[in-house]
Amino acid sequence: MKKTKHAQKRFQQRGIAPCIEEYALIFGTTKHRQGKNSAEIILTSKDYHEFRHYISKLCSDMEKMIGRKIITDQSISTIITGY
């Protein structure tokens, strides 16, 4: 998602890391602002716990993949096989 210069400056001033904004967009709770063409995204405690569960499962899945390979054809951005 694109960011305005104002948002870039505020995120830097407030110490909001780029990865955190990405997680907020994926896992946060969206509330549409009445009468405006905008929405606010908030990370609730529930969102945080769902994110922790997701990360835990991702780590478990990644551990099972140690040593595995995926072969691609980069010229056509296609996965050929995996083992």
N, C-alpha and C. Protein backbone atom coordinates (compact mmCIF):
# COMPACT_ATOMS: atom_id res chain seq x y z
N MET A 1 0.84 -1.17 0.00
CA MET A 1 0.00 0.00 0.00
C MET A 1 0.89 1.24 0.00
N LYS A 2 0.55 2.21 -0.80
CA LYS A 2 1.32 3.45 -0.86
C LYS A 2 1.12 4.25 0.42
N LYS A 3 2.14 5.05 0.76
CA LYS A 3 2.07 5.91 1.94
C LYS A 3 2.32 7.35 1.53
N THR A 4 1.58 8.25 2.13
CA THR A 4 1.84 9.67 1.89
C THR A 4 3.14 10.06 2.58
N LYS A 5 3.70 11.19 2.18
CA LYS A 5 4.90 11.68 2.83
C LYS A 5 4.62 11.98 4.30
N HIS A 6 3.40 12.46 4.57
CA HIS A 6 3.00 12.74 5.95
C HIS A 6 3.05 11.44 6.78
N ALA A 7 2.48 10.36 6.23
CA ALA A 7 2.48 9.08 6.94
C ALA A 7 3.90 8.57 7.14
N GLN A 8 4.75 8.68 6.12
CA GLN A 8 6.13 8.24 6.24
C GLN A 8 6.83 8.96 7.39
N LYS A 9 6.62 10.27 7.46
CA LYS A 9 7.25 11.07 8.50
C LYS A 9 6.74 10.67 9.88
N ARG A 10 5.42 10.52 10.02
CA ARG A 10 4.83 10.18 11.31
C ARG A 10 5.25 8.78 11.77
N PHE A 11 5.30 7.83 10.84
CA PHE A 11 5.72 6.47 11.20
C PHE A 11 7.15 6.51 11.72
N GLN A 12 8.02 7.26 11.05
CA GLN A 12 9.41 7.37 11.48
C GLN A 12 9.49 8.02 12.86
N GLN A 13 8.73 9.11 13.05
CA GLN A 13 8.75 9.82 14.33
C GLN A 13 8.24 8.94 15.47
N ARG A 14 7.27 8.08 15.15
CA ARG A 14 6.62 7.27 16.19
C ARG A 14 7.21 5.86 16.30
N GLY A 15 8.26 5.60 15.52
CA GLY A 15 8.95 4.32 15.62
C GLY A 15 8.14 3.13 15.14
N ILE A 16 7.28 3.34 14.16
CA ILE A 16 6.48 2.25 13.60
C ILE A 16 7.27 1.61 12.47
N ALA A 17 7.74 0.39 12.71
CA ALA A 17 8.57 -0.32 11.73
C ALA A 17 7.74 -0.75 10.53
N PRO A 18 8.35 -0.79 9.34
CA PRO A 18 7.63 -1.21 8.13
C PRO A 18 6.96 -2.58 8.26
N CYS A 19 7.62 -3.53 8.93
CA CYS A 19 7.01 -4.85 9.07
C CYS A 19 5.75 -4.78 9.94
N ILE A 20 5.74 -3.89 10.93
CA ILE A 20 4.58 -3.76 11.81
C ILE A 20 3.38 -3.20 11.05
N GLU A 21 3.62 -2.23 10.18
CA GLU A 21 2.49 -1.69 9.40
C GLU A 21 1.91 -2.77 8.50
N GLU A 22 2.79 -3.63 7.95
CA GLU A 22 2.31 -4.72 7.10
C GLU A 22 1.46 -5.69 7.90
N TYR A 23 1.93 -6.05 9.09
CA TYR A 23 1.17 -6.96 9.94
C TYR A 23 -0.17 -6.35 10.34
N ALA A 24 -0.17 -5.07 10.61
CA ALA A 24 -1.42 -4.39 10.98
C ALA A 24 -2.43 -4.46 9.84
N LEU A 25 -1.95 -4.27 8.61
CA LEU A 25 -2.85 -4.33 7.46
C LEU A 25 -3.42 -5.73 7.27
N ILE A 26 -2.63 -6.75 7.58
CA ILE A 26 -3.07 -8.14 7.40
C ILE A 26 -3.93 -8.61 8.58
N PHE A 27 -3.48 -8.35 9.79
CA PHE A 27 -4.12 -8.94 10.97
C PHE A 27 -5.00 -7.98 11.76
N GLY A 28 -4.90 -6.70 11.49
CA GLY A 28 -5.64 -5.72 12.28
C GLY A 28 -7.14 -5.73 12.02
N THR A 29 -7.86 -5.08 12.90
CA THR A 29 -9.31 -4.94 12.79
C THR A 29 -9.61 -3.61 12.11
N THR A 30 -10.36 -3.67 11.02
CA THR A 30 -10.67 -2.48 10.23
C THR A 30 -12.02 -1.91 10.64
N LYS A 31 -12.05 -0.60 10.87
CA LYS A 31 -13.30 0.10 11.17
C LYS A 31 -13.45 1.22 10.15
N HIS A 32 -14.55 1.19 9.43
CA HIS A 32 -14.80 2.25 8.45
C HIS A 32 -15.25 3.51 9.18
N ARG A 33 -14.72 4.62 8.74
CA ARG A 33 -15.03 5.91 9.37
C ARG A 33 -16.29 6.47 8.72
N GLN A 34 -17.31 6.62 9.52
CA GLN A 34 -18.62 7.05 9.02
C GLN A 34 -18.54 8.43 8.36
N GLY A 35 -19.11 8.50 7.15
CA GLY A 35 -19.16 9.76 6.43
C GLY A 35 -17.86 10.16 5.76
N LYS A 36 -16.88 9.26 5.80
CA LYS A 36 -15.59 9.57 5.19
C LYS A 36 -15.18 8.40 4.30
N ASN A 37 -14.34 8.68 3.34
CA ASN A 37 -13.85 7.63 2.46
C ASN A 37 -12.52 7.10 3.01
N SER A 38 -12.56 6.69 4.28
CA SER A 38 -11.34 6.19 4.91
C SER A 38 -11.72 5.16 5.98
N ALA A 39 -10.71 4.49 6.46
CA ALA A 39 -10.91 3.49 7.51
C ALA A 39 -9.73 3.56 8.46
N GLU A 40 -9.95 3.09 9.68
CA GLU A 40 -8.85 3.00 10.62
C GLU A 40 -8.62 1.53 10.91
N ILE A 41 -7.37 1.19 11.11
CA ILE A 41 -7.00 -0.19 11.40
C ILE A 41 -6.33 -0.18 12.77
N ILE A 42 -6.84 -1.00 13.65
CA ILE A 42 -6.31 -1.08 15.01
C ILE A 42 -5.90 -2.52 15.28
N LEU A 43 -4.78 -2.68 15.96
CA LEU A 43 -4.35 -4.01 16.39
C LEU A 43 -4.89 -4.24 17.81
N THR A 44 -5.87 -5.10 17.90
CA THR A 44 -6.46 -5.41 19.20
C THR A 44 -5.70 -6.55 19.86
N SER A 45 -6.01 -6.80 21.11
CA SER A 45 -5.41 -7.93 21.82
C SER A 45 -5.75 -9.23 21.11
N LYS A 46 -6.98 -9.35 20.64
CA LYS A 46 -7.40 -10.55 19.90
C LYS A 46 -6.57 -10.71 18.62
N ASP A 47 -6.36 -9.60 17.90
CA ASP A 47 -5.53 -9.64 16.68
C ASP A 47 -4.12 -10.12 17.00
N TYR A 48 -3.57 -9.61 18.10
CA TYR A 48 -2.23 -9.98 18.53
C TYR A 48 -2.14 -11.48 18.79
N HIS A 49 -3.12 -12.05 19.48
CA HIS A 49 -3.10 -13.48 19.79
C HIS A 49 -3.27 -14.32 18.52
N GLU A 50 -4.09 -13.86 17.58
CA GLU A 50 -4.24 -14.56 16.30
C GLU A 50 -2.92 -14.53 15.54
N PHE A 51 -2.23 -13.40 15.58
CA PHE A 51 -0.93 -13.26 14.92
C PHE A 51 0.09 -14.21 15.54
N ARG A 52 0.14 -14.28 16.88
CA ARG A 52 1.07 -15.20 17.56
C ARG A 52 0.81 -16.64 17.17
N HIS A 53 -0.46 -17.02 17.06
CA HIS A 53 -0.82 -18.37 16.65
C HIS A 53 -0.34 -18.62 15.22
N TYR A 54 -0.55 -17.65 14.34
CA TYR A 54 -0.12 -17.75 12.94
C TYR A 54 1.40 -17.93 12.86
N ILE A 55 2.14 -17.11 13.59
CA ILE A 55 3.60 -17.17 13.57
C ILE A 55 4.09 -18.51 14.13
N SER A 56 3.46 -18.98 15.18
CA SER A 56 3.85 -20.27 15.76
C SER A 56 3.67 -21.39 14.75
N LYS A 57 2.55 -21.40 14.04
CA LYS A 57 2.30 -22.42 13.02
C LYS A 57 3.29 -22.26 11.87
N LEU A 58 3.55 -21.04 11.46
CA LEU A 58 4.50 -20.79 10.39
C LEU A 58 5.89 -21.32 10.75
N CYS A 59 6.33 -21.08 11.98
CA CYS A 59 7.64 -21.58 12.43
C CYS A 59 7.67 -23.10 12.41
N SER A 60 6.60 -23.72 12.85
CA SER A 60 6.52 -25.19 12.84
C SER A 60 6.58 -25.72 11.41
N ASP A 61 5.84 -25.09 10.51
CA ASP A 61 5.85 -25.51 9.10
C ASP A 61 7.22 -25.30 8.48
N MET A 62 7.87 -24.19 8.78
CA MET A 62 9.19 -23.91 8.23
C MET A 62 10.22 -24.92 8.72
N GLU A 63 10.13 -25.31 9.98
CA GLU A 63 11.07 -26.28 10.53
C GLU A 63 10.99 -27.60 9.77
N LYS A 64 9.79 -27.99 9.37
CA LYS A 64 9.60 -29.22 8.61
C LYS A 64 10.21 -29.12 7.21
N MET A 65 10.42 -27.90 6.73
CA MET A 65 10.95 -27.67 5.38
C MET A 65 12.47 -27.57 5.32
N ILE A 66 13.14 -27.61 6.45
CA ILE A 66 14.61 -27.50 6.46
C ILE A 66 15.19 -28.59 5.58
N GLY A 67 16.03 -28.19 4.62
CA GLY A 67 16.67 -29.12 3.70
C GLY A 67 15.87 -29.40 2.44
N ARG A 68 14.63 -28.96 2.39
CA ARG A 68 13.81 -29.17 1.19
C ARG A 68 14.21 -28.15 0.12
N LYS A 69 13.88 -28.46 -1.13
CA LYS A 69 14.23 -27.56 -2.23
C LYS A 69 13.01 -27.34 -3.12
N ILE A 70 12.96 -26.16 -3.71
CA ILE A 70 11.96 -25.83 -4.72
C ILE A 70 12.73 -25.40 -5.95
N ILE A 71 12.45 -26.03 -7.09
CA ILE A 71 13.14 -25.73 -8.34
C ILE A 71 12.21 -24.87 -9.19
N THR A 72 12.78 -23.76 -9.70
CA THR A 72 11.98 -22.82 -10.49
C THR A 72 12.60 -22.57 -11.86
N ASP A 73 11.77 -22.11 -12.76
CA ASP A 73 12.22 -21.57 -14.05
C ASP A 73 12.03 -20.06 -13.93
N GLN A 74 13.11 -19.35 -13.69
CA GLN A 74 13.01 -17.92 -13.44
C GLN A 74 12.58 -17.12 -14.65
N SER A 75 12.80 -17.66 -15.85
CA SER A 75 12.45 -16.89 -17.04
C SER A 75 10.93 -16.76 -17.19
N ILE A 76 10.18 -17.73 -16.63
CA ILE A 76 8.72 -17.63 -16.72
C ILE A 76 8.04 -17.65 -15.35
N SER A 77 8.83 -17.42 -14.29
CA SER A 77 8.33 -17.35 -12.93
C SER A 77 7.40 -18.51 -12.59
N THR A 78 7.93 -19.74 -12.81
CA THR A 78 7.12 -20.93 -12.60
C THR A 78 7.88 -21.92 -11.72
N ILE A 79 7.17 -22.51 -10.75
CA ILE A 79 7.75 -23.58 -9.95
C ILE A 79 7.65 -24.86 -10.74
N ILE A 80 8.78 -25.55 -10.88
CA ILE A 80 8.83 -26.78 -11.68
C ILE A 80 8.60 -28.01 -10.80
N THR A 81 9.30 -28.06 -9.66
CA THR A 81 9.15 -29.22 -8.77
C THR A 81 9.65 -28.86 -7.38
N GLY A 82 9.44 -29.77 -6.48
CA GLY A 82 9.95 -29.60 -5.12
C GLY A 82 10.30 -30.96 -4.55
N TYR A 83 11.29 -30.98 -3.69
CA TYR A 83 11.66 -32.23 -3.02
C TYR A 83 12.34 -31.94 -1.71
